[in-house]
Amino acid sequence: MPKSNLRRRFRAYVNELGFPAGLDMHSLRRSYVTHLFEFYGFEHTFVQQQVGHLHASTTSIYTAVSSDYQTRALNRVLERTINATTNSTPWEEKP
């Protein structure tokens, strides 16, 4: 099926179902990238390779994670930092 037919059919479904006019085929790609990060926890490099981006900055444009995800990610980093800090003392020499 040619791309134009696929887009036309997608647009017809969007209109028929009453979804927002801005929903397009690219929205599915953005959702895919976001879900790989947010729900499945894949590493950025893996996701970048999955969608064929040369630069991580391009992949980040596609990512629209929720504020809940951002909070969970920040808490994980803070917990690791606090644990690393409290589990070692700066005056002890490391072997």
PDB file of N, CA and C in Angstrom:
ATOM      1  N   MET A   1       0.856  -1.178   0.000  1.00  0.00           N
ATOM      2  CA  MET A   1       0.000   0.000   0.000  1.00  0.00           C
ATOM      3  C   MET A   1       0.902   1.241   0.000  1.00  0.00           C
ATOM      4  N   PRO A   2       0.705   2.156  -0.939  1.00  0.00           N
ATOM      5  CA  PRO A   2       1.509   3.372  -0.976  1.00  0.00           C
ATOM      6  C   PRO A   2       1.323   4.214   0.284  1.00  0.00           C
ATOM      7  N   LYS A   3       2.358   4.986   0.612  1.00  0.00           N
ATOM      8  CA  LYS A   3       2.311   5.806   1.826  1.00  0.00           C
ATOM      9  C   LYS A   3       1.112   6.747   1.850  1.00  0.00           C
ATOM     10  N   SER A   4       0.814   7.343   0.715  1.00  0.00           N
ATOM     11  CA  SER A   4      -0.294   8.310   0.685  1.00  0.00           C
ATOM     12  C   SER A   4      -1.619   7.643   1.056  1.00  0.00           C
ATOM     13  N   ASN A   5      -1.835   6.385   0.606  1.00  0.00           N
ATOM     14  CA  ASN A   5      -3.059   5.672   0.975  1.00  0.00           C
ATOM     15  C   ASN A   5      -3.099   5.384   2.462  1.00  0.00           C
ATOM     16  N   LEU A   6      -1.970   4.993   3.019  1.00  0.00           N
ATOM     17  CA  LEU A   6      -1.898   4.710   4.449  1.00  0.00           C
ATOM     18  C   LEU A   6      -2.203   5.969   5.255  1.00  0.00           C
ATOM     19  N   ARG A   7      -1.616   7.076   4.858  1.00  0.00           N
ATOM     20  CA  ARG A   7      -1.876   8.347   5.558  1.00  0.00           C
ATOM     21  C   ARG A   7      -3.336   8.760   5.434  1.00  0.00           C
ATOM     22  N   ARG A   8      -3.897   8.577   4.252  1.00  0.00           N
ATOM     23  CA  ARG A   8      -5.300   8.938   4.046  1.00  0.00           C
ATOM     24  C   ARG A   8      -6.210   8.088   4.934  1.00  0.00           C
ATOM     25  N   ARG A   9      -5.946   6.796   4.993  1.00  0.00           N
ATOM     26  CA  ARG A   9      -6.765   5.910   5.828  1.00  0.00           C
ATOM     27  C   ARG A   9      -6.593   6.243   7.308  1.00  0.00           C
ATOM     28  N   PHE A  10      -5.340   6.511   7.699  1.00  0.00           N
ATOM     29  CA  PHE A  10      -5.083   6.884   9.094  1.00  0.00           C
ATOM     30  C   PHE A  10      -5.853   8.155   9.442  1.00  0.00           C
ATOM     31  N   ARG A  11      -5.789   9.157   8.568  1.00  0.00           N
ATOM     32  CA  ARG A  11      -6.499  10.424   8.786  1.00  0.00           C
ATOM     33  C   ARG A  11      -7.996  10.171   8.902  1.00  0.00           C
ATOM     34  N   ALA A  12      -8.555   9.298   8.071  1.00  0.00           N
ATOM     35  CA  ALA A  12      -9.985   8.986   8.112  1.00  0.00           C
ATOM     36  C   ALA A  12     -10.352   8.359   9.462  1.00  0.00           C
ATOM     37  N   TYR A  13      -9.511   7.444   9.948  1.00  0.00           N
ATOM     38  CA  TYR A  13      -9.776   6.821  11.252  1.00  0.00           C
ATOM     39  C   TYR A  13      -9.704   7.856  12.379  1.00  0.00           C
ATOM     40  N   VAL A  14      -8.706   8.711  12.315  1.00  0.00           N
ATOM     41  CA  VAL A  14      -8.555   9.756  13.333  1.00  0.00           C
ATOM     42  C   VAL A  14      -9.800  10.635  13.371  1.00  0.00           C
ATOM     43  N   ASN A  15     -10.241  11.052  12.207  1.00  0.00           N
ATOM     44  CA  ASN A  15     -11.432  11.908  12.128  1.00  0.00           C
ATOM     45  C   ASN A  15     -12.677  11.176  12.606  1.00  0.00           C
ATOM     46  N   GLU A  16     -12.837   9.937  12.154  1.00  0.00           N
ATOM     47  CA  GLU A  16     -14.025   9.151  12.502  1.00  0.00           C
ATOM     48  C   GLU A  16     -14.105   8.895  14.012  1.00  0.00           C
ATOM     49  N   LEU A  17     -12.961   8.667  14.633  1.00  0.00           N
ATOM     50  CA  LEU A  17     -12.937   8.370  16.063  1.00  0.00           C
ATOM     51  C   LEU A  17     -12.916   9.629  16.925  1.00  0.00           C
ATOM     52  N   GLY A  18     -12.803  10.789  16.300  1.00  0.00           N
ATOM     53  CA  GLY A  18     -12.840  12.041  17.040  1.00  0.00           C
ATOM     54  C   GLY A  18     -11.553  12.365  17.782  1.00  0.00           C
ATOM     55  N   PHE A  19     -10.446  11.801  17.319  1.00  0.00           N
ATOM     56  CA  PHE A  19      -9.157  12.113  17.940  1.00  0.00           C
ATOM     57  C   PHE A  19      -8.709  13.511  17.515  1.00  0.00           C
ATOM     58  N   PRO A  20      -7.774  14.105  18.244  1.00  0.00           N
ATOM     59  CA  PRO A  20      -7.316  15.449  17.903  1.00  0.00           C
ATOM     60  C   PRO A  20      -6.736  15.508  16.484  1.00  0.00           C
ATOM     61  N   ALA A  21      -6.936  16.635  15.828  1.00  0.00           N
ATOM     62  CA  ALA A  21      -6.488  16.811  14.446  1.00  0.00           C
ATOM     63  C   ALA A  21      -4.972  16.683  14.313  1.00  0.00           C
ATOM     64  N   GLY A  22      -4.225  17.001  15.354  1.00  0.00           N
ATOM     65  CA  GLY A  22      -2.763  16.939  15.300  1.00  0.00           C
ATOM     66  C   GLY A  22      -2.194  15.535  15.333  1.00  0.00           C
ATOM     67  N   LEU A  23      -3.037  14.534  15.594  1.00  0.00           N
ATOM     68  CA  LEU A  23      -2.566  13.151  15.638  1.00  0.00           C
ATOM     69  C   LEU A  23      -2.216  12.695  14.233  1.00  0.00           C
ATOM     70  N   ASP A  24      -0.962  12.252  14.059  1.00  0.00           N
ATOM     71  CA  ASP A  24      -0.531  11.797  12.747  1.00  0.00           C
ATOM     72  C   ASP A  24       0.312  10.536  12.897  1.00  0.00           C
ATOM     73  N   MET A  25       0.797  10.019  11.780  1.00  0.00           N
ATOM     74  CA  MET A  25       1.595   8.792  11.811  1.00  0.00           C
ATOM     75  C   MET A  25       2.861   8.979  12.654  1.00  0.00           C
ATOM     76  N   HIS A  26       3.403  10.176  12.622  1.00  0.00           N
ATOM     77  CA  HIS A  26       4.616  10.444  13.394  1.00  0.00           C
ATOM     78  C   HIS A  26       4.331  10.378  14.898  1.00  0.00           C
ATOM     79  N   SER A  27       3.102  10.632  15.288  1.00  0.00           N
ATOM     80  CA  SER A  27       2.712  10.524  16.707  1.00  0.00           C
ATOM     81  C   SER A  27       2.936   9.106  17.211  1.00  0.00           C
ATOM     82  N   LEU A  28       2.695   8.126  16.340  1.00  0.00           N
ATOM     83  CA  LEU A  28       2.907   6.729  16.724  1.00  0.00           C
ATOM     84  C   LEU A  28       4.388   6.476  16.988  1.00  0.00           C
ATOM     85  N   ARG A  29       5.252   7.071  16.185  1.00  0.00           N
ATOM     86  CA  ARG A  29       6.699   6.921  16.367  1.00  0.00           C
ATOM     87  C   ARG A  29       7.141   7.546  17.690  1.00  0.00           C
ATOM     88  N   ARG A  30       6.615   8.741  17.978  1.00  0.00           N
ATOM     89  CA  ARG A  30       6.959   9.401  19.243  1.00  0.00           C
ATOM     90  C   ARG A  30       6.472   8.573  20.429  1.00  0.00           C
ATOM     91  N   SER A  31       5.282   8.013  20.319  1.00  0.00           N
ATOM     92  CA  SER A  31       4.749   7.172  21.395  1.00  0.00           C
ATOM     93  C   SER A  31       5.611   5.932  21.603  1.00  0.00           C
ATOM     94  N   TYR A  32       6.045   5.337  20.508  1.00  0.00           N
ATOM     95  CA  TYR A  32       6.897   4.146  20.580  1.00  0.00           C
ATOM     96  C   TYR A  32       8.175   4.456  21.351  1.00  0.00           C
ATOM     97  N   VAL A  33       8.837   5.547  20.993  1.00  0.00           N
ATOM     98  CA  VAL A  33      10.079   5.934  21.667  1.00  0.00           C
ATOM     99  C   VAL A  33       9.829   6.191  23.148  1.00  0.00           C
ATOM    100  N   THR A  34       8.791   6.941  23.448  1.00  0.00           N
ATOM    101  CA  THR A  34       8.471   7.261  24.843  1.00  0.00           C
ATOM    102  C   THR A  34       8.175   6.003  25.643  1.00  0.00           C
ATOM    103  N   HIS A  35       7.408   5.085  25.078  1.00  0.00           N
ATOM    104  CA  HIS A  35       7.077   3.849  25.792  1.00  0.00           C
ATOM    105  C   HIS A  35       8.312   2.984  26.032  1.00  0.00           C
ATOM    106  N   LEU A  36       9.225   2.942  25.083  1.00  0.00           N
ATOM    107  CA  LEU A  36      10.449   2.163  25.295  1.00  0.00           C
ATOM    108  C   LEU A  36      11.212   2.673  26.511  1.00  0.00           C
ATOM    109  N   PHE A  37      11.235   3.984  26.689  1.00  0.00           N
ATOM    110  CA  PHE A  37      11.908   4.568  27.851  1.00  0.00           C
ATOM    111  C   PHE A  37      11.089   4.405  29.124  1.00  0.00           C
ATOM    112  N   GLU A  38       9.879   4.928  29.072  1.00  0.00           N
ATOM    113  CA  GLU A  38       9.084   5.085  30.283  1.00  0.00           C
ATOM    114  C   GLU A  38       8.544   3.773  30.842  1.00  0.00           C
ATOM    115  N   PHE A  39       8.000   2.932  30.008  1.00  0.00           N
ATOM    116  CA  PHE A  39       7.346   1.735  30.507  1.00  0.00           C
ATOM    117  C   PHE A  39       8.246   0.506  30.530  1.00  0.00           C
ATOM    118  N   TYR A  40       9.196   0.470  29.607  1.00  0.00           N
ATOM    119  CA  TYR A  40      10.034  -0.719  29.507  1.00  0.00           C
ATOM    120  C   TYR A  40      11.458  -0.505  29.992  1.00  0.00           C
ATOM    121  N   GLY A  41      11.846   0.743  30.212  1.00  0.00           N
ATOM    122  CA  GLY A  41      13.138   1.049  30.792  1.00  0.00           C
ATOM    123  C   GLY A  41      14.355   0.750  29.934  1.00  0.00           C
ATOM    124  N   PHE A  42      14.180   0.746  28.620  1.00  0.00           N
ATOM    125  CA  PHE A  42      15.316   0.484  27.754  1.00  0.00           C
ATOM    126  C   PHE A  42      16.324   1.622  27.831  1.00  0.00           C
ATOM    127  N   GLU A  43      17.585   1.302  27.614  1.00  0.00           N
ATOM    128  CA  GLU A  43      18.648   2.297  27.615  1.00  0.00           C
ATOM    129  C   GLU A  43      18.515   3.205  26.392  1.00  0.00           C
ATOM    130  N   HIS A  44      18.995   4.433  26.544  1.00  0.00           N
ATOM    131  CA  HIS A  44      18.886   5.428  25.475  1.00  0.00           C
ATOM    132  C   HIS A  44      19.569   4.962  24.183  1.00  0.00           C
ATOM    133  N   THR A  45      20.719   4.337  24.313  1.00  0.00           N
ATOM    134  CA  THR A  45      21.449   3.889  23.123  1.00  0.00           C
ATOM    135  C   THR A  45      20.646   2.852  22.351  1.00  0.00           C
ATOM    136  N   PHE A  46      20.014   1.933  23.068  1.00  0.00           N
ATOM    137  CA  PHE A  46      19.189   0.918  22.415  1.00  0.00           C
ATOM    138  C   PHE A  46      18.042   1.562  21.652  1.00  0.00           C
ATOM    139  N   VAL A  47      17.342   2.494  22.310  1.00  0.00           N
ATOM    140  CA  VAL A  47      16.205   3.154  21.670  1.00  0.00           C
ATOM    141  C   VAL A  47      16.672   3.944  20.448  1.00  0.00           C
ATOM    142  N   GLN A  48      17.781   4.629  20.594  1.00  0.00           N
ATOM    143  CA  GLN A  48      18.341   5.396  19.481  1.00  0.00           C
ATOM    144  C   GLN A  48      18.589   4.487  18.281  1.00  0.00           C
ATOM    145  N   GLN A  49      19.144   3.315  18.536  1.00  0.00           N
ATOM    146  CA  GLN A  49      19.395   2.363  17.451  1.00  0.00           C
ATOM    147  C   GLN A  49      18.095   1.815  16.876  1.00  0.00           C
ATOM    148  N   GLN A  50      17.116   1.567  17.718  1.00  0.00           N
ATOM    149  CA  GLN A  50      15.830   1.035  17.259  1.00  0.00           C
ATOM    150  C   GLN A  50      15.162   1.945  16.240  1.00  0.00           C
ATOM    151  N   VAL A  51      15.252   3.247  16.475  1.00  0.00           N
ATOM    152  CA  VAL A  51      14.562   4.181  15.585  1.00  0.00           C
ATOM    153  C   VAL A  51      15.480   4.752  14.515  1.00  0.00           C
ATOM    154  N   GLY A  52      16.741   4.307  14.504  1.00  0.00           N
ATOM    155  CA  GLY A  52      17.649   4.683  13.441  1.00  0.00           C
ATOM    156  C   GLY A  52      18.195   6.093  13.505  1.00  0.00           C
ATOM    157  N   HIS A  53      18.310   6.637  14.706  1.00  0.00           N
ATOM    158  CA  HIS A  53      18.860   7.985  14.841  1.00  0.00           C
ATOM    159  C   HIS A  53      20.372   7.932  14.993  1.00  0.00           C
ATOM    160  N   LEU A  54      21.043   8.802  14.301  1.00  0.00           N
ATOM    161  CA  LEU A  54      22.491   8.890  14.398  1.00  0.00           C
ATOM    162  C   LEU A  54      22.910   9.568  15.709  1.00  0.00           C
ATOM    163  N   HIS A  55      22.122  10.552  16.142  1.00  0.00           N
ATOM    164  CA  HIS A  55      22.466  11.339  17.334  1.00  0.00           C
ATOM    165  C   HIS A  55      21.411  11.163  18.436  1.00  0.00           C
ATOM    166  N   ALA A  56      21.888  11.067  19.664  1.00  0.00           N
ATOM    167  CA  ALA A  56      20.985  10.940  20.815  1.00  0.00           C
ATOM    168  C   ALA A  56      20.078  12.158  20.943  1.00  0.00           C
ATOM    169  N   SER A  57      20.583  13.307  20.534  1.00  0.00           N
ATOM    170  CA  SER A  57      19.772  14.528  20.631  1.00  0.00           C
ATOM    171  C   SER A  57      18.512  14.424  19.769  1.00  0.00           C
ATOM    172  N   THR A  58      18.590  13.714  18.668  1.00  0.00           N
ATOM    173  CA  THR A  58      17.413  13.521  17.822  1.00  0.00           C
ATOM    174  C   THR A  58      16.397  12.649  18.546  1.00  0.00           C
ATOM    175  N   THR A  59      16.874  11.592  19.176  1.00  0.00           N
ATOM    176  CA  THR A  59      15.971  10.700  19.917  1.00  0.00           C
ATOM    177  C   THR A  59      15.294  11.450  21.051  1.00  0.00           C
ATOM    178  N   SER A  60      16.013  12.345  21.701  1.00  0.00           N
ATOM    179  CA  SER A  60      15.428  13.085  22.826  1.00  0.00           C
ATOM    180  C   SER A  60      14.278  13.976  22.382  1.00  0.00           C
ATOM    181  N   ILE A  61      14.283  14.410  21.132  1.00  0.00           N
ATOM    182  CA  ILE A  61      13.174  15.219  20.613  1.00  0.00           C
ATOM    183  C   ILE A  61      11.886  14.402  20.608  1.00  0.00           C
ATOM    184  N   TYR A  62      12.008  13.106  20.398  1.00  0.00           N
ATOM    185  CA  TYR A  62      10.837  12.224  20.306  1.00  0.00           C
ATOM    186  C   TYR A  62      10.290  11.825  21.675  1.00  0.00           C
ATOM    187  N   THR A  63      11.034  12.101  22.703  1.00  0.00           N
ATOM    188  CA  THR A  63      10.684  11.613  24.024  1.00  0.00           C
ATOM    189  C   THR A  63       9.823  12.613  24.767  1.00  0.00           C
ATOM    190  N   ALA A  64       8.685  12.162  25.241  1.00  0.00           N
ATOM    191  CA  ALA A  64       7.789  13.016  26.010  1.00  0.00           C
ATOM    192  C   ALA A  64       7.319  12.241  27.232  1.00  0.00           C
ATOM    193  N   VAL A  65       8.251  11.936  28.131  1.00  0.00           N
ATOM    194  CA  VAL A  65       7.894  11.131  29.294  1.00  0.00           C
ATOM    195  C   VAL A  65       7.069  11.948  30.279  1.00  0.00           C
ATOM    196  N   SER A  66       6.287  11.265  31.078  1.00  0.00           N
ATOM    197  CA  SER A  66       5.401  11.919  32.040  1.00  0.00           C
ATOM    198  C   SER A  66       6.193  12.471  33.217  1.00  0.00           C
ATOM    199  N   SER A  67       5.554  13.354  33.953  1.00  0.00           N
ATOM    200  CA  SER A  67       6.213  13.914  35.137  1.00  0.00           C
ATOM    201  C   SER A  67       6.423  12.826  36.194  1.00  0.00           C
ATOM    202  N   ASP A  68       5.539  11.830  36.252  1.00  0.00           N
ATOM    203  CA  ASP A  68       5.732  10.710  37.187  1.00  0.00           C
ATOM    204  C   ASP A  68       7.010   9.952  36.857  1.00  0.00           C
ATOM    205  N   TYR A  69       7.239   9.705  35.584  1.00  0.00           N
ATOM    206  CA  TYR A  69       8.460   9.017  35.171  1.00  0.00           C
ATOM    207  C   TYR A  69       9.686   9.855  35.529  1.00  0.00           C
ATOM    208  N   GLN A  70       9.623  11.138  35.259  1.00  0.00           N
ATOM    209  CA  GLN A  70      10.740  12.027  35.576  1.00  0.00           C
ATOM    210  C   GLN A  70      11.036  12.006  37.074  1.00  0.00           C
ATOM    211  N   THR A  71       9.998  12.013  37.890  1.00  0.00           N
ATOM    212  CA  THR A  71      10.179  11.972  39.336  1.00  0.00           C
ATOM    213  C   THR A  71      10.812  10.654  39.772  1.00  0.00           C
ATOM    214  N   ARG A  72      10.328   9.535  39.219  1.00  0.00           N
ATOM    215  CA  ARG A  72      10.903   8.228  39.566  1.00  0.00           C
ATOM    216  C   ARG A  72      12.368   8.145  39.156  1.00  0.00           C
ATOM    217  N   ALA A  73      12.694   8.647  37.969  1.00  0.00           N
ATOM    218  CA  ALA A  73      14.074   8.609  37.487  1.00  0.00           C
ATOM    219  C   ALA A  73      14.974   9.462  38.372  1.00  0.00           C
ATOM    220  N   LEU A  74      14.515  10.632  38.739  1.00  0.00           N
ATOM    221  CA  LEU A  74      15.294  11.513  39.613  1.00  0.00           C
ATOM    222  C   LEU A  74      15.492  10.870  40.982  1.00  0.00           C
ATOM    223  N   ASN A  75      14.456  10.263  41.519  1.00  0.00           N
ATOM    224  CA  ASN A  75      14.579   9.583  42.817  1.00  0.00           C
ATOM    225  C   ASN A  75      15.592   8.445  42.771  1.00  0.00           C
ATOM    226  N   ARG A  76      15.611   7.681  41.678  1.00  0.00           N
ATOM    227  CA  ARG A  76      16.600   6.603  41.546  1.00  0.00           C
ATOM    228  C   ARG A  76      18.023   7.148  41.580  1.00  0.00           C
ATOM    229  N   VAL A  77      18.254   8.225  40.850  1.00  0.00           N
ATOM    230  CA  VAL A  77      19.590   8.827  40.817  1.00  0.00           C
ATOM    231  C   VAL A  77      19.960   9.365  42.198  1.00  0.00           C
ATOM    232  N   LEU A  78      19.031  10.035  42.841  1.00  0.00           N
ATOM    233  CA  LEU A  78      19.304  10.582  44.175  1.00  0.00           C
ATOM    234  C   LEU A  78      19.593   9.468  45.185  1.00  0.00           C
ATOM    235  N   GLU A  79      18.819   8.392  45.126  1.00  0.00           N
ATOM    236  CA  GLU A  79      19.051   7.267  46.036  1.00  0.00           C
ATOM    237  C   GLU A  79      20.429   6.656  45.822  1.00  0.00           C
ATOM    238  N   ARG A  80      20.818   6.459  44.562  1.00  0.00           N
ATOM    239  CA  ARG A  80      22.159   5.916  44.278  1.00  0.00           C
ATOM    240  C   ARG A  80      23.249   6.843  44.790  1.00  0.00           C
ATOM    241  N   THR A  81      23.057   8.140  44.590  1.00  0.00           N
ATOM    242  CA  THR A  81      24.049   9.119  45.037  1.00  0.00           C
ATOM    243  C   THR A  81      24.158   9.124  46.549  1.00  0.00           C
ATOM    244  N   ILE A  82      23.033   9.110  47.230  1.00  0.00           N
ATOM    245  CA  ILE A  82      23.033   9.109  48.701  1.00  0.00           C
ATOM    246  C   ILE A  82      23.650   7.823  49.216  1.00  0.00           C
ATOM    247  N   ASN A  83      23.285   6.692  48.624  1.00  0.00           N
ATOM    248  CA  ASN A  83      23.849   5.409  49.055  1.00  0.00           C
ATOM    249  C   ASN A  83      25.357   5.369  48.838  1.00  0.00           C
ATOM    250  N   ALA A  84      25.818   5.869  47.724  1.00  0.00           N
ATOM    251  CA  ALA A  84      27.256   5.877  47.446  1.00  0.00           C
ATOM    252  C   ALA A  84      27.980   6.777  48.435  1.00  0.00           C
ATOM    253  N   THR A  85      27.364   7.863  48.815  1.00  0.00           N
ATOM    254  CA  THR A  85      27.971   8.810  49.738  1.00  0.00           C
ATOM    255  C   THR A  85      27.993   8.267  51.163  1.00  0.00           C
ATOM    256  N   THR A  86      26.921   7.635  51.578  1.00  0.00           N
ATOM    257  CA  THR A  86      26.843   7.151  52.959  1.00  0.00           C
ATOM    258  C   THR A  86      27.579   5.839  53.172  1.00  0.00           C
ATOM    259  N   ASN A  87      27.864   5.113  52.094  1.00  0.00           N
ATOM    260  CA  ASN A  87      28.538   3.827  52.221  1.00  0.00           C
ATOM    261  C   ASN A  87      30.052   3.946  52.188  1.00  0.00           C
ATOM    262  N   SER A  88      30.582   5.127  51.980  1.00  0.00           N
ATOM    263  CA  SER A  88      32.023   5.297  52.015  1.00  0.00           C
ATOM    264  C   SER A  88      32.348   6.583  52.752  1.00  0.00           C
ATOM    265  N   THR A  89      33.465   6.587  53.399  1.00  0.00           N
ATOM    266  CA  THR A  89      33.884   7.787  54.100  1.00  0.00           C
ATOM    267  C   THR A  89      35.100   8.365  53.379  1.00  0.00           C
ATOM    268  N   PRO A  90      35.123   9.673  53.226  1.00  0.00           N
ATOM    269  CA  PRO A  90      36.162  10.295  52.407  1.00  0.00           C
ATOM    270  C   PRO A  90      37.556  10.161  53.010  1.00  0.00           C
ATOM    271  N   TRP A  91      37.669   9.920  54.331  1.00  0.00           N
ATOM    272  CA  TRP A  91      38.994   9.854  54.941  1.00  0.00           C
ATOM    273  C   TRP A  91      39.623   8.468  54.860  1.00  0.00           C
ATOM    274  N   GLU A  92      38.828   7.458  54.455  1.00  0.00           N
ATOM    275  CA  GLU A  92      39.394   6.130  54.303  1.00  0.00           C
ATOM    276  C   GLU A  92      40.060   5.998  52.945  1.00  0.00           C
ATOM    277  N   GLU A  93      41.219   5.385  52.957  1.00  0.00           N
ATOM    278  CA  GLU A  93      41.884   5.139  51.679  1.00  0.00           C
ATOM    279  C   GLU A  93      41.298   3.933  51.014  1.00  0.00           C
ATOM    280  N   LYS A  94      41.121   4.027  49.733  1.00  0.00           N
ATOM    281  CA  LYS A  94      40.613   2.884  48.967  1.00  0.00           C
ATOM    282  C   LYS A  94      41.809   2.018  48.551  1.00  0.00           C
ATOM    283  N   PRO A  95      41.634   0.700  48.557  1.00  0.00           N
ATOM    284  CA  PRO A  95      42.734  -0.173  48.152  1.00  0.00           C
ATOM    285  C   PRO A  95      43.078  -0.011  46.680  1.00  0.00           C
TER     286      PRO A  95
END
